[in-house]
Protein backbone atom coordinates (compact mmCIF):
# COMPACT_ATOMS: atom_id res chain seq x y z
CA MET A 1 0.00 0.00 0.00
CA GLN A 2 1.54 3.33 -1.14
CA PHE A 3 0.20 5.31 1.80
CA LYS A 4 1.40 2.59 4.17
CA LEU A 5 5.00 3.17 3.08
CA LEU A 6 4.56 6.90 3.56
CA LEU A 7 3.23 6.47 7.10
CA SER A 8 6.07 4.12 7.99
CA SER A 9 8.58 6.82 7.09
CA LEU A 10 6.50 9.34 9.02
CA ALA A 11 6.71 7.15 12.11
CA LEU A 12 10.48 7.01 11.90
CA LEU A 13 10.63 10.79 11.55
CA LEU A 14 8.40 11.43 14.53
CA LEU A 15 10.39 9.09 16.76
CA TYR A 16 13.14 11.67 16.39
CA GLY A 17 10.74 14.58 16.29
CA CYS A 18 10.20 17.78 18.07
CA GLY A 19 8.51 19.02 21.16
CA SER A 20 5.21 20.77 21.40
CA GLY A 21 5.11 24.54 21.27
CA SER A 22 1.69 24.98 22.84
CA SER A 23 0.96 27.09 25.90
CA ASN A 24 1.13 25.52 29.36
CA HIS A 25 -1.20 28.06 31.02
CA ASN A 26 -4.15 25.81 31.79
CA LYS A 27 -6.47 24.82 34.58
CA ALA A 28 -7.51 21.42 35.86
CA ALA A 29 -10.00 19.35 33.90
CA ASP A 30 -10.42 16.07 35.77
CA THR A 31 -13.56 14.94 33.95
CA ASN A 32 -12.68 15.83 30.36
CA THR A 33 -12.65 13.18 27.66
CA LEU A 34 -12.12 13.01 23.91
CA ASP A 35 -15.28 13.46 21.87
CA THR A 36 -16.50 10.38 20.01
CA ALA A 37 -17.54 12.60 17.09
CA ALA A 38 -14.92 14.00 14.74
CA GLU A 39 -15.09 17.11 12.55
CA THR A 40 -13.49 17.46 9.13
CA ALA A 41 -10.86 20.18 8.66
CA TYR A 42 -9.86 19.06 5.15
CA PHE A 43 -10.75 16.28 2.71
CA THR A 44 -9.60 15.26 -0.75
CA SER A 45 -10.12 12.27 -3.01
CA SER A 46 -6.70 12.60 -4.68
CA GLU A 47 -4.08 9.87 -4.71
CA PRO A 48 -2.52 9.00 -1.32
CA SER A 49 0.94 10.19 -2.39
CA GLU A 50 -0.49 13.72 -2.45
CA GLY A 51 -2.05 13.47 0.99
CA PRO A 52 -1.82 15.64 4.11
CA SER A 53 0.68 14.67 6.80
CA ARG A 54 1.82 15.60 10.29
CA PRO A 55 -0.89 18.12 11.25
CA GLN A 56 -0.39 20.49 14.19
CA ILE A 57 -3.03 22.33 16.20
CA ALA A 58 -3.38 25.41 18.42
CA TYR A 59 -6.55 25.41 20.55
CA PHE A 60 -7.33 28.85 21.95
CA ASP A 61 -8.92 30.11 25.16
CA ASN A 62 -11.96 31.38 23.22
CA GLY A 63 -12.70 27.89 21.88
CA ASN A 64 -11.42 28.60 18.37
CA ALA A 65 -8.45 26.80 16.82
CA VAL A 66 -6.05 26.83 13.90
CA ALA A 67 -4.30 23.88 12.25
CA ILE A 68 -1.39 23.51 9.85
CA TRP A 69 -0.20 20.48 7.89
CA LEU A 70 1.93 19.49 4.90
CA GLN A 71 0.58 18.64 1.46
CA HIS A 72 3.17 16.10 0.32
CA SER A 73 3.15 16.18 -3.45
CA ASP A 74 3.44 19.96 -3.74
CA GLN A 75 5.51 20.47 -0.55
CA GLU A 76 3.00 23.10 0.54
CA LEU A 77 2.07 24.14 4.07
CA TRP A 78 -1.72 24.32 4.44
CA THR A 79 -3.95 25.74 7.16
CA ASN A 80 -7.56 25.94 8.31
CA HIS A 81 -9.42 27.82 11.02
CA TYR A 82 -11.90 26.39 13.53
CA SER A 83 -14.73 28.38 15.12
CA LYS A 84 -16.49 27.02 18.21
CA ASN A 85 -19.77 28.24 16.68
CA THR A 86 -19.46 27.14 13.06
CA GLY A 87 -16.69 24.52 12.97
CA TRP A 88 -13.93 24.35 10.35
CA GLY A 89 -13.67 26.83 7.51
CA THR A 90 -12.08 26.38 4.09
CA ALA A 91 -8.52 25.05 3.96
CA GLY A 92 -5.83 26.78 1.92
CA MET A 93 -2.11 27.43 1.61
CA LEU A 94 -0.36 29.28 4.44
CA GLN A 95 2.82 30.16 2.56
CA THR A 96 3.15 31.53 -0.96
CA ASN A 97 5.95 29.23 -2.13
CA SER A 98 6.40 25.47 -2.22
CA ASN A 99 9.47 23.50 -1.08
CA VAL A 100 8.40 22.93 2.53
CA MET A 101 9.90 19.64 3.69
CA LEU A 102 8.27 17.04 5.94
CA GLY A 103 8.89 17.91 9.58
CA LEU A 104 10.55 21.25 8.88
CA TYR A 105 7.74 23.36 10.34
CA GLN A 106 6.20 24.00 13.76
CA LEU A 107 3.27 25.73 15.43
CA ALA A 108 3.40 27.46 18.84
CA SER A 109 0.52 28.99 20.81
CA ASN A 110 -0.10 30.96 24.01
CA GLY A 111 -3.88 30.61 24.18
CA THR A 112 -4.75 33.88 22.42
CA SER A 113 -2.49 33.79 19.35
CA ALA A 114 -0.10 31.49 17.53
CA ILE A 115 3.05 31.52 15.43
CA ALA A 116 3.91 29.13 12.63
CA THR A 117 7.46 28.78 11.37
CA TRP A 118 8.69 26.73 8.45
CA GLY A 119 11.61 26.21 6.14
CA GLU A 120 11.35 26.72 2.40
CA GLY A 121 14.67 25.17 1.50
CA SER A 122 17.32 27.48 2.97
CA THR A 123 14.80 30.24 3.80
CA LEU A 124 13.15 30.37 7.25
CA ARG A 125 9.77 32.09 7.47
CA ALA A 126 7.22 32.77 10.22
CA SER A 127 3.70 34.11 10.49
CA HIS A 128 1.66 35.30 13.49
CA TYR A 129 -1.98 34.23 13.84
CA ASP A 130 -4.69 36.33 15.49
CA ALA A 131 -7.17 34.02 17.23
CA GLU A 132 -9.90 36.68 17.51
CA ALA A 133 -9.73 37.80 13.89
CA GLN A 134 -8.99 34.22 12.74
CA GLN A 135 -6.37 35.27 10.23
CA TRP A 136 -2.65 34.93 9.54
CA ASN A 137 -0.37 37.93 9.14
CA GLU A 138 1.79 38.19 6.05
CA PRO A 139 4.66 35.65 6.35
CA LYS A 140 7.94 37.19 7.48
CA THR A 141 11.35 36.03 6.26
CA ILE A 142 13.58 35.50 9.30
CA VAL A 143 16.69 34.47 7.40
CA THR A 144 17.86 33.06 4.09
CA GLU A 145 20.88 30.81 4.50
CA ALA A 146 23.48 30.17 1.84
CA SER A 147 22.36 26.58 1.25
CA GLY A 148 20.72 23.54 2.83
CA ASN A 149 17.36 23.01 4.57
CA VAL A 150 16.52 24.91 7.76
CA ASP A 151 14.98 22.84 10.57
CA PRO A 152 13.16 25.12 13.07
CA ARG A 153 11.86 24.77 16.65
CA ILE A 154 9.71 27.54 18.13
CA ALA A 155 8.25 28.53 21.51
CA MET A 156 5.96 31.38 22.59
CA ASN A 157 5.06 32.84 26.00
CA ILE A 158 1.84 34.29 27.37
CA ASP A 159 2.78 37.84 26.27
CA GLY A 160 3.52 36.79 22.70
CA LYS A 161 7.30 36.88 22.96
CA ALA A 162 8.83 34.05 20.95
CA VAL A 163 12.10 32.37 20.11
CA VAL A 164 12.95 30.19 17.14
CA ALA A 165 16.09 28.08 16.80
CA TRP A 166 17.05 26.26 13.64
CA THR A 167 19.79 24.02 12.36
CA ILE A 168 21.44 24.58 9.01
CA GLY A 169 24.36 22.39 7.99
CA ASN A 170 26.66 22.12 11.03
CA ASP A 171 25.28 25.20 12.78
CA ILE A 172 22.44 26.10 15.14
CA LYS A 173 21.13 29.67 15.16
CA ALA A 174 18.35 31.57 16.91
CA SER A 175 16.13 34.61 16.48
CA TYR A 176 13.94 36.37 19.06
CA SER A 177 10.60 38.10 18.57
CA SER A 178 9.56 40.72 21.12
CA ALA A 179 6.88 42.33 18.93
CA LEU A 180 4.33 41.13 16.41
CA ASN A 181 5.99 39.63 13.33
CA THR A 182 9.33 41.26 14.14
CA TRP A 183 12.43 39.06 14.45
CA SER A 184 16.00 39.77 15.50
CA ALA A 185 19.00 39.00 13.34
CA ALA A 186 20.17 35.38 13.32
CA PHE A 187 22.48 34.61 16.24
CA PRO A 188 24.86 31.60 16.09
CA LEU A 189 24.43 29.51 19.25
CA ASP A 190 27.21 26.96 18.80
CA ASN A 191 30.96 27.30 18.35
CA SER A 192 31.72 23.98 16.64
CA ASP A 193 31.92 22.92 13.00
CA THR A 194 30.35 19.48 13.56
CA GLY A 195 26.72 18.54 12.95
CA VAL A 196 23.91 19.64 15.28
CA TYR A 197 20.99 17.28 15.97
CA PRO A 198 18.57 17.43 17.67
CA HIS A 199 17.54 20.72 19.33
CA ASP A 200 14.70 22.48 21.15
CA VAL A 201 13.77 25.88 22.62
CA ALA A 202 11.47 27.27 25.32
CA VAL A 203 10.56 30.71 26.71
CA ASP A 204 9.22 31.63 30.17
CA ALA A 205 6.65 34.22 31.29
CA SER A 206 9.32 36.93 31.63
CA GLY A 207 10.51 36.39 28.07
CA HIS A 208 13.74 34.60 29.05
CA ALA A 209 14.54 31.76 26.65
CA ILE A 210 16.65 28.61 26.66
CA ALA A 211 17.95 26.60 23.72
CA VAL A 212 19.34 23.07 24.01
CA TRP A 213 21.08 20.99 21.36
CA SER A 214 23.29 17.95 20.80
CA GLN A 215 26.70 18.32 19.20
CA ASP A 216 30.10 16.59 19.49
CA SER A 217 28.44 13.79 21.55
CA LYS A 218 27.42 16.34 24.19
CA VAL A 219 24.27 18.19 25.23
CA PHE A 220 24.62 21.99 25.34
CA SER A 221 22.46 24.86 26.52
CA ARG A 222 22.36 28.61 26.13
CA ARG A 223 20.07 31.14 27.87
CA TYR A 224 18.62 34.39 26.49
CA VAL A 225 18.08 37.24 29.00
CA SER A 226 17.48 40.95 28.37
CA GLY A 227 18.36 40.82 24.73
CA THR A 228 21.55 38.78 25.09
CA TRP A 229 22.44 35.11 24.70
CA GLY A 230 24.66 33.95 27.58
CA ASP A 231 27.59 31.56 27.50
CA ILE A 232 27.33 27.96 26.32
CA THR A 233 26.70 25.49 29.16
CA THR A 234 27.44 21.76 28.92
CA ILE A 235 24.57 19.72 30.37
CA ASP A 236 25.92 16.26 29.49
CA ASP A 237 29.42 15.60 28.15
CA SER A 238 28.96 11.97 27.11
CA ALA A 239 25.73 11.74 25.13
CA ASP A 240 25.21 11.21 21.40
CA THR A 241 21.53 11.97 21.54
CA SER A 242 18.18 12.09 19.82
CA ASN A 243 14.73 13.26 20.93
CA ILE A 244 15.79 16.26 22.99
CA VAL A 245 12.73 17.93 24.55
CA LEU A 246 12.83 21.13 26.63
CA LYS A 247 10.11 22.77 28.74
CA LEU A 248 10.08 25.91 30.92
CA ASP A 249 7.64 26.99 33.63
CA ASP A 250 6.59 30.60 34.22
CA ALA A 251 9.36 31.16 36.78
CA GLY A 252 12.09 30.11 34.34
CA ASN A 253 12.79 26.64 35.74
CA ALA A 254 13.35 24.02 33.07
CA ILE A 255 13.44 20.29 32.44
CA ALA A 256 15.18 18.71 29.47
CA THR A 257 15.05 15.06 28.44
CA TRP A 258 17.10 13.23 25.83
CA MET A 259 17.77 9.73 24.57
CA THR A 260 21.13 8.30 23.55
CA ILE A 261 21.29 6.66 20.13
CA GLN A 262 24.75 5.08 20.04
CA SER A 263 24.69 3.15 23.32
CA ASP A 264 23.48 -0.44 23.61
CA PRO A 265 21.03 -0.47 25.21
CA LYS A 266 19.71 3.03 24.63
CA THR A 267 19.35 5.32 27.62
CA LEU A 268 16.93 8.08 28.60
CA SER A 269 18.10 10.91 30.86
CA TYR A 270 16.79 14.20 32.17
CA ALA A 271 18.21 17.31 33.82
CA GLN A 272 16.67 20.25 35.67
CA TYR A 273 17.53 23.91 35.34
CA SER A 274 16.91 26.31 38.23
CA ALA A 275 16.38 29.96 37.33
CA ASP A 276 18.44 31.03 40.36
CA ALA A 277 21.21 28.44 39.84
CA ASP A 278 22.08 26.34 36.77
CA TRP A 279 21.65 22.88 35.28
CA ASN A 280 21.95 20.02 37.76
CA THR A 281 23.67 16.70 37.11
CA PRO A 282 21.70 14.57 34.60
CA VAL A 283 19.63 11.71 36.04
CA LEU A 284 19.30 8.36 34.25
CA LEU A 285 15.65 7.33 33.81
CA GLU A 286 15.97 4.19 31.67
CA ASP A 287 18.87 2.13 30.32
CA GLY A 288 17.39 -0.94 28.66
CA ASN A 289 14.46 -2.72 27.02
CA LEU A 290 14.66 -0.65 23.82
CA VAL A 291 13.63 2.69 25.27
CA ASN A 292 11.97 4.98 22.72
CA GLN A 293 9.46 7.78 22.04
CA PRO A 294 10.16 10.06 25.04
CA LEU A 295 7.66 12.85 25.71
CA LEU A 296 7.71 15.75 28.18
CA ALA A 297 4.90 18.09 29.22
CA MET A 298 5.12 20.88 31.82
CA ASN A 299 2.57 23.37 33.13
CA ALA A 300 3.03 27.00 34.18
CA ASP A 301 3.66 26.04 37.83
CA GLY A 302 6.43 23.58 36.99
CA LYS A 303 4.50 20.31 37.35
CA ALA A 304 5.67 17.95 34.64
CA ILE A 305 5.32 14.44 33.33
CA ILE A 306 7.93 12.45 31.42
CA VAL A 307 6.63 9.53 29.34
CA TRP A 308 8.49 6.94 27.29
CA THR A 309 8.07 3.43 25.89
CA THR A 310 10.08 0.26 26.46
CA LEU A 311 9.82 -2.92 24.42
CA ASN A 312 10.20 -6.44 25.75
CA THR A 313 11.62 -8.26 22.72
CA GLU A 314 10.77 -11.71 24.13
CA THR A 315 7.05 -11.00 24.58
CA ASP A 316 6.71 -8.20 21.99
CA VAL A 317 4.86 -6.16 24.64
CA LEU A 318 5.30 -2.40 24.70
CA THR A 319 5.06 -0.60 28.03
CA TYR A 320 4.37 3.09 28.54
CA THR A 321 6.30 4.36 31.56
CA SER A 322 5.97 7.77 33.19
CA ARG A 323 7.42 9.75 36.06
CA PHE A 324 5.61 12.76 37.48
CA TYR A 325 7.56 15.77 38.70
CA SER A 326 6.37 18.35 41.21
CA PRO A 327 8.45 21.31 42.41
CA ASP A 328 7.31 20.47 45.95
CA THR A 329 8.06 16.74 46.01
CA GLY A 330 10.52 16.20 43.16
CA LEU A 331 10.51 13.25 40.76
CA GLY A 332 7.97 10.54 41.55
CA GLU A 333 8.11 6.79 41.10
CA GLU A 334 7.56 4.99 37.81
CA GLU A 335 3.93 4.47 36.75
CA THR A 336 3.17 2.19 33.81
CA PHE A 337 0.54 0.66 31.55
CA GLU A 338 0.98 -1.95 28.83
CA VAL A 339 -0.11 -2.10 25.23
CA ASN A 340 -0.23 -5.37 23.34
CA THR A 341 2.40 -5.08 20.57
CA ASN A 342 5.20 -2.82 19.43
CA TYR A 343 3.35 -1.15 16.55
CA HIS A 344 2.64 1.99 18.60
CA TYR A 345 4.10 5.38 17.68
CA ASN A 346 3.36 9.04 16.81
CA ASN A 347 2.41 9.96 20.37
CA SER A 348 1.46 13.36 21.82
CA ILE A 349 0.84 14.61 25.38
CA GLU A 350 -0.54 17.68 27.16
CA ILE A 351 -0.82 18.57 30.88
CA ASP A 352 -3.15 20.88 32.83
CA SER A 353 -2.43 23.05 35.87
CA SER A 354 -3.28 20.26 38.35
CA GLY A 355 -0.86 17.89 36.68
CA ASN A 356 -3.51 15.78 34.95
CA ALA A 357 -2.42 14.71 31.47
CA LEU A 358 -3.79 13.30 28.23
CA LEU A 359 -1.71 10.96 26.06
CA VAL A 360 -2.69 9.95 22.52
CA TRP A 361 -0.91 7.68 20.10
CA MET A 362 -1.25 5.69 16.88
CA TYR A 363 -1.45 1.89 16.71
CA ASP A 364 -0.69 0.09 13.45
CA PHE A 365 -2.72 -3.11 13.87
CA ASP A 366 -0.67 -5.60 11.89
CA ASP A 367 2.17 -4.92 9.46
CA THR A 368 2.11 -8.52 8.21
CA ASN A 369 -1.59 -9.06 7.48
CA GLU A 370 -2.99 -6.90 4.66
CA GLU A 371 -6.57 -7.88 5.49
CA GLU A 372 -6.17 -6.41 8.98
CA ASP A 373 -3.69 -3.71 8.01
CA LYS A 374 -5.34 -0.69 9.62
CA ALA A 375 -4.17 2.04 11.95
CA PHE A 376 -6.22 3.62 14.71
CA LEU A 377 -5.73 5.97 17.64
CA LEU A 378 -5.79 5.35 21.37
CA PHE A 379 -5.66 7.59 24.42
CA ASN A 380 -5.10 7.34 28.14
CA GLN A 381 -5.60 9.87 30.91
CA TYR A 382 -3.27 10.49 33.83
CA GLN A 383 -4.52 11.89 37.13
CA ALA A 384 -1.93 13.36 39.45
CA GLY A 385 -1.76 11.30 42.61
CA LYS A 386 -3.74 8.44 41.07
CA GLY A 387 -1.82 7.38 37.98
CA TRP A 388 -2.96 6.14 34.59
CA GLY A 389 -6.47 5.08 33.73
CA THR A 390 -7.50 2.54 31.12
CA LYS A 391 -6.29 2.94 27.55
CA THR A 392 -9.20 3.58 25.18
CA GLU A 393 -9.45 2.97 21.46
CA LEU A 394 -11.06 5.64 19.29
CA THR A 395 -13.33 4.61 16.44
CA SER A 396 -11.43 5.15 13.19
CA ILE A 397 -12.64 7.84 10.81
CA GLY A 398 -10.67 6.37 7.94
CA ASN A 399 -12.11 3.00 6.90
CA ALA A 400 -9.17 2.16 4.61
CA TYR A 401 -5.73 2.65 6.14
CA GLY A 402 -7.22 4.25 9.25
CA ASP A 403 -6.15 7.22 11.39
CA TYR A 404 -2.65 8.57 11.97
CA ASP A 405 -0.44 11.44 13.25
CA PRO A 406 -2.40 12.63 16.34
CA LYS A 407 -1.41 15.96 17.91
CA LEU A 408 -2.86 17.65 21.02
CA SER A 409 -3.31 21.22 22.21
CA PHE A 410 -4.83 22.44 25.51
CA ASN A 411 -6.21 25.89 26.31
CA ALA A 412 -6.28 27.81 29.61
CA SER A 413 -9.37 25.98 30.90
CA GLY A 414 -7.77 22.56 30.48
CA GLU A 415 -9.94 21.76 27.48
CA GLY A 416 -8.31 20.78 24.23
CA MET A 417 -8.42 19.50 20.70
CA MET A 418 -6.76 16.61 18.91
CA ILE A 419 -5.90 16.92 15.22
CA PHE A 420 -5.14 13.84 13.11
CA GLY A 421 -5.17 12.38 9.61
CA GLY A 422 -7.43 9.69 8.26
CA VAL A 423 -7.59 7.54 5.09
CA SER A 424 -10.93 6.18 3.89
CA ASP A 425 -12.07 4.42 0.71
CA ASP A 426 -13.17 7.81 -0.66
CA GLY A 427 -9.97 9.71 0.06
CA TYR A 428 -8.12 11.13 2.99
CA GLY A 429 -8.33 14.16 5.22
CA ILE A 430 -7.51 16.07 8.38
CA TYR A 431 -9.91 15.65 11.30
CA SER A 432 -10.33 16.90 14.86
CA ARG A 433 -11.85 15.76 18.15
CA LEU A 434 -12.62 18.03 21.08
CA TYR A 435 -11.38 17.25 24.60
CA GLN A 436 -14.02 18.66 26.97
């Protein structure tokens, strides 16, 4: 199946993907659940090779939303707007040029507005979105590099200040936005001529930012304060990493997680940054059983949850493991739930102000049996102090290949929306489910 091959490559990309850029200013929502009904943001009956992939969503405090995704065949970034009163509007292109590559774009939100950033080859662009007016501003060119493909990560705080960091060749650079659609000149973050991968950024309520990246088998960090990037700090000096994720709370305290890719077995580590001190010594979370797919979510008060998977190769059982962090009590004990096989990937997580979390992921039913070759989505809810509930399967919208690429966004009330793709006998599209 042509689309099957495409989704397999998507899964590999997202295992080494990027962190969420959505706002963490949200309240508790203990009784919320994902809606059984889905709404259509986009649909086409074209060939699967031209289909939409890797959608991202920003769900706003007023109940509206905006989504972006990639149209594969034309390498175009598309968008659509959601109104709580009328549903989805008409989808169309966000940027004016093609040449947007899979994964080389991101969406960040603060509950009242959003910023999208994307690479068009060696050119990095961004556009601000007004949630009240439901419209994008004219895309702004942040930088045009000499050659190569820019790979951006973006974060945005409650006041609309934003930072974007991107890799290009063997370099990582950053730009800061303190006003609407205005970006500073590119600033080189690293001082090495070796490759940079991966990286992430975050910004706190005061507008202070942190960037983290992997280079020379080490994990580095740099902090932005009052218009200036500080010195490079080494977080880990013995890690050839993937899947770096960084989150900041309102006070400027941070957590970063990363996974090693050259060790056998793989390892998963995390480190904490204190706004009035520095990075602490990294802590090992997992060092065996094929650790993979690490996620990190943090709220404005600094409560966080780290989630990852481990595979038992003898039983082919995949286990989701999490550890909850509270500024008052520190890192909690491991909490787990099992899923039946290893065909689980493309996960996404959000957390509310009480520390309750929602996890969604994709399950590819059977790679070896074409008659049962269908993907669908599952979710599980975490309650702080109680642990994980029961994993729940969502009815597939797509009746052919099924559903894929779920992504979550919460607003300030702890409600949210999930965006995802689906393939049916009639075509394929982008769909959403409310979390209320």
